[in-house]
Amino acid sequence: MELPIENREITFLLADDHSIVRHGMALTINEIFPNSIIHQTSSLLQVVEEVKSKEIEIAIIDAHFPDGNSIHILSDIKNAKPDIKILIFSGLEEQLHALKFINAGANGYLSKLSEEEDVQKAIISIVNKGEYISAVSQNLLVQFANNPNSVNPLHSLTKRELQIAEMYADGYGNLEIANNLDIKQNTVSTIKKNIFDKLKIENLVELIDIIKTHHKI
């Protein structure tokens, strides 16, 4: 793809706890917008402070940091700077996570599994149009408009699976769940595996995040 080199001075904030990700994104931005000013942070807690203290126009932020989930600070970012454009750049599966970030205030969601050309398109789109809506996100938005319940991943769980997922989110362990529900502990473990497989997640942190985000949808 031939890049439309822009001479505008645009101020970016790259927020990701992996320096190699920030470095790669900075190189890509400089290819397209060589006069850009690029600030970086590896901490979620510093993102809002960076937005408040600097003239950030575009924030490219990971979904998860060691110190928290960025979905919880999107409203703070927008309150601090209403015109800022936020692109979530994440390794989390777009089909499961994009809509909740867009509904929380992000202007786009880009998978870290995207090809370089798609990353370039996303940057150009978020700068020129103020948003980046991929084909996957567009489909999710249409589904949500027609049927809000259709994009809730928890609806793929059985009643028992949802009950146990909620107990995990409340801090219960396998033995406590087994005792409370009067079932065997290995049955709980099997159901846990089924929950993880259906939601395409790998750990309890991701499960808790999905429960908190989608439980009331």
Protein backbone atom coordinates (compact mmCIF):
# COMPACT_ATOMS: atom_id res chain seq x y z
CA MET A 1 0.00 0.00 0.00
CA GLU A 2 1.37 3.40 -0.97
CA LEU A 3 1.15 5.60 2.08
CA PRO A 4 -0.31 9.11 1.86
CA ILE A 5 2.51 10.92 3.63
CA GLU A 6 1.08 13.74 5.72
CA ASN A 7 2.98 16.86 6.82
CA ARG A 8 0.62 17.72 9.64
CA GLU A 9 1.97 17.78 13.17
CA ILE A 10 -0.20 15.37 15.17
CA THR A 11 0.35 14.49 18.80
CA PHE A 12 -0.06 10.82 19.71
CA LEU A 13 0.01 8.93 22.98
CA LEU A 14 1.06 5.27 22.81
CA ALA A 15 0.10 3.35 25.95
CA ASP A 16 1.20 -0.26 26.19
CA ASP A 17 3.19 -2.16 28.80
CA HIS A 18 5.32 -3.79 26.07
CA SER A 19 8.01 -1.48 24.71
CA ILE A 20 8.33 -3.45 21.46
CA VAL A 21 4.65 -2.77 20.70
CA ARG A 22 5.07 0.94 21.33
CA HIS A 23 8.25 1.02 19.25
CA GLY A 24 6.60 -0.75 16.31
CA MET A 25 3.56 1.52 16.40
CA ALA A 26 5.78 4.62 16.61
CA LEU A 27 7.68 3.51 13.50
CA THR A 28 4.42 2.98 11.63
CA ILE A 29 3.09 6.40 12.66
CA ASN A 30 6.31 8.09 11.58
CA GLU A 31 6.04 6.49 8.14
CA ILE A 32 2.65 8.11 7.61
CA PHE A 33 2.92 11.27 9.70
CA PRO A 34 6.67 12.08 9.88
CA ASN A 35 6.08 15.35 11.76
CA SER A 36 4.18 13.65 14.56
CA ILE A 37 4.91 14.13 18.23
CA ILE A 38 4.71 10.78 20.00
CA HIS A 39 4.45 10.38 23.77
CA GLN A 40 4.62 6.96 25.38
CA THR A 41 3.68 5.32 28.65
CA SER A 42 3.74 1.75 29.93
CA SER A 43 1.31 2.36 32.79
CA LEU A 44 -2.45 2.55 32.68
CA LEU A 45 -2.45 4.90 35.67
CA GLN A 46 -0.32 7.39 33.75
CA VAL A 47 -2.61 7.56 30.70
CA VAL A 48 -5.11 10.05 32.10
CA GLU A 49 -2.30 12.20 33.52
CA GLU A 50 -0.60 12.26 30.12
CA VAL A 51 -3.86 13.30 28.46
CA LYS A 52 -4.42 16.05 31.02
CA SER A 53 -0.88 17.43 30.86
CA LYS A 54 -0.20 17.21 27.12
CA GLU A 55 -2.04 18.20 23.95
CA ILE A 56 -2.82 14.63 22.94
CA GLU A 57 -4.97 14.27 19.82
CA ILE A 58 -4.83 10.52 19.26
CA ALA A 59 -4.42 7.93 22.03
CA ILE A 60 -3.55 4.36 21.02
CA ILE A 61 -4.07 2.22 24.10
CA ASP A 62 -3.81 -1.47 24.96
CA ALA A 63 -6.86 -3.12 26.50
CA HIS A 64 -5.08 -4.71 29.46
CA PHE A 65 -2.22 -3.52 31.65
CA PRO A 66 -0.68 -5.10 34.73
CA ASP A 67 -2.37 -2.33 36.73
CA GLY A 68 -5.83 -2.66 35.20
CA ASN A 69 -8.22 -2.72 32.24
CA SER A 70 -8.24 0.40 30.09
CA ILE A 71 -12.00 0.25 29.62
CA HIS A 72 -12.33 1.72 33.13
CA ILE A 73 -10.48 4.94 32.25
CA LEU A 74 -12.05 5.73 28.86
CA SER A 75 -14.67 8.01 30.40
CA ASP A 76 -11.96 9.82 32.41
CA ILE A 77 -9.96 10.38 29.22
CA LYS A 78 -12.98 11.75 27.38
CA ASN A 79 -13.93 13.97 30.33
CA ALA A 80 -10.41 15.37 30.43
CA LYS A 81 -10.27 15.94 26.68
CA PRO A 82 -13.62 15.46 24.87
CA ASP A 83 -12.14 15.81 21.36
CA ILE A 84 -9.45 13.15 21.80
CA LYS A 85 -9.71 10.08 19.58
CA ILE A 86 -9.00 6.70 21.18
CA LEU A 87 -7.91 3.58 19.30
CA ILE A 88 -7.77 0.38 21.33
CA PHE A 89 -4.88 -1.78 20.08
CA SER A 90 -5.28 -5.17 21.70
CA GLY A 91 -4.47 -8.85 21.52
CA LEU A 92 -7.94 -9.69 22.85
CA GLU A 93 -10.29 -11.24 20.31
CA GLU A 94 -12.14 -8.48 18.48
CA GLN A 95 -15.36 -10.48 18.15
CA LEU A 96 -15.66 -10.71 21.93
CA HIS A 97 -14.23 -7.42 23.12
CA ALA A 98 -14.46 -4.66 20.49
CA LEU A 99 -18.05 -3.61 21.10
CA LYS A 100 -17.68 -3.07 24.83
CA PHE A 101 -14.73 -0.72 24.28
CA ILE A 102 -16.53 1.20 21.52
CA ASN A 103 -19.63 1.50 23.70
CA ALA A 104 -17.41 2.74 26.55
CA GLY A 105 -16.04 5.60 24.44
CA ALA A 106 -13.29 4.25 22.18
CA ASN A 107 -13.30 5.46 18.57
CA GLY A 108 -11.99 2.19 17.22
CA TYR A 109 -10.62 -1.25 18.00
CA LEU A 110 -7.62 -2.80 16.24
CA SER A 111 -6.35 -6.32 16.78
CA LYS A 112 -2.64 -6.83 17.40
CA LEU A 113 -2.93 -9.75 15.00
CA SER A 114 -3.70 -7.32 12.15
CA GLU A 115 -1.47 -7.12 9.10
CA GLU A 116 0.77 -4.06 8.81
CA GLU A 117 -1.43 -2.63 6.05
CA ASP A 118 -4.48 -2.79 8.32
CA VAL A 119 -2.56 -1.04 11.10
CA GLN A 120 -1.66 1.74 8.66
CA LYS A 121 -5.28 2.02 7.51
CA ALA A 122 -6.47 2.24 11.11
CA ILE A 123 -4.05 5.05 11.93
CA ILE A 124 -5.00 7.00 8.81
CA SER A 125 -8.70 6.49 9.50
CA ILE A 126 -8.54 7.52 13.17
CA VAL A 127 -6.65 10.70 12.17
CA ASN A 128 -8.69 11.67 9.10
CA LYS A 129 -12.15 10.40 10.06
CA GLY A 130 -11.95 10.37 13.84
CA GLU A 131 -12.79 6.67 13.98
CA TYR A 132 -11.73 3.25 12.78
CA ILE A 133 -14.46 0.67 12.37
CA SER A 134 -13.23 -2.64 10.98
CA ALA A 135 -15.50 -5.08 9.19
CA VAL A 136 -15.75 -7.15 12.37
CA SER A 137 -16.67 -4.15 14.52
CA GLN A 138 -19.16 -2.92 11.93
CA ASN A 139 -20.89 -6.29 11.98
CA LEU A 140 -21.00 -6.24 15.78
CA LEU A 141 -22.50 -2.75 15.79
CA VAL A 142 -25.20 -3.82 13.33
CA GLN A 143 -25.98 -6.90 15.42
CA PHE A 144 -26.14 -4.82 18.56
CA ALA A 145 -28.46 -2.25 16.94
CA ASN A 146 -30.84 -5.02 15.81
CA ASN A 147 -30.58 -7.16 18.93
CA PRO A 148 -28.49 -5.98 21.90
CA ASN A 149 -28.50 -9.48 23.38
CA SER A 150 -26.87 -11.04 20.31
CA VAL A 151 -23.39 -9.78 21.14
CA ASN A 152 -23.30 -10.93 24.75
CA PRO A 153 -20.83 -13.86 24.93
CA LEU A 154 -22.39 -15.01 28.21
CA HIS A 155 -25.47 -16.09 26.28
CA SER A 156 -23.45 -19.02 24.92
CA LEU A 157 -23.28 -20.49 28.44
CA THR A 158 -25.79 -22.87 29.98
CA LYS A 159 -27.58 -21.83 33.15
CA ARG A 160 -25.20 -23.94 35.26
CA GLU A 161 -22.12 -22.62 33.44
CA LEU A 162 -23.26 -19.03 33.99
CA GLN A 163 -23.92 -19.75 37.67
CA ILE A 164 -20.41 -21.13 38.14
CA ALA A 165 -18.84 -18.33 36.06
CA GLU A 166 -20.50 -15.80 38.38
CA MET A 167 -19.18 -17.65 41.43
CA TYR A 168 -15.65 -17.53 40.03
CA ALA A 169 -16.12 -13.80 39.47
CA ASP A 170 -17.19 -13.47 43.12
CA GLY A 171 -13.93 -15.04 44.23
CA TYR A 172 -15.01 -18.63 44.92
CA GLY A 173 -12.57 -21.47 44.26
CA ASN A 174 -13.31 -24.92 42.86
CA LEU A 175 -13.80 -26.56 46.27
CA GLU A 176 -16.08 -23.78 47.54
CA ILE A 177 -18.18 -23.93 44.38
CA ALA A 178 -18.43 -27.72 44.63
CA ASN A 179 -19.53 -27.54 48.28
CA ASN A 180 -22.05 -24.74 47.64
CA LEU A 181 -23.64 -26.51 44.67
CA ASP A 182 -23.28 -30.02 46.15
CA ILE A 183 -21.40 -31.34 43.11
CA LYS A 184 -18.01 -32.99 42.69
CA GLN A 185 -14.92 -30.83 42.41
CA ASN A 186 -13.86 -32.48 39.15
CA THR A 187 -17.30 -31.62 37.75
CA VAL A 188 -16.59 -27.97 38.56
CA SER A 189 -13.23 -28.24 36.80
CA THR A 190 -14.89 -29.73 33.71
CA ILE A 191 -17.51 -26.97 33.63
CA LYS A 192 -14.76 -24.37 34.05
CA LYS A 193 -12.98 -25.77 30.98
CA ASN A 194 -16.25 -25.63 29.02
CA ILE A 195 -16.75 -21.99 30.06
CA PHE A 196 -13.23 -21.06 28.98
CA ASP A 197 -13.64 -22.87 25.65
CA LYS A 198 -16.97 -21.23 24.87
CA LEU A 199 -15.76 -17.73 25.79
CA LYS A 200 -12.35 -18.30 24.13
CA ILE A 201 -10.46 -17.17 27.22
CA GLU A 202 -7.49 -18.57 29.11
CA ASN A 203 -7.72 -17.35 32.69
CA LEU A 204 -9.97 -16.09 35.46
CA VAL A 205 -8.94 -12.47 34.94
CA GLU A 206 -10.50 -12.55 31.47
CA LEU A 207 -13.59 -14.33 32.82
CA ILE A 208 -14.10 -11.73 35.53
CA ASP A 209 -13.74 -8.97 32.95
CA ILE A 210 -16.41 -10.52 30.73
CA ILE A 211 -18.76 -11.05 33.67
CA LYS A 212 -18.38 -7.43 34.80
CA THR A 213 -18.85 -6.07 31.29
CA HIS A 214 -21.67 -8.21 29.93
CA HIS A 215 -23.61 -9.47 32.92
CA LYS A 216 -26.35 -6.86 32.70
CA ILE A 217 -26.59 -6.76 28.88
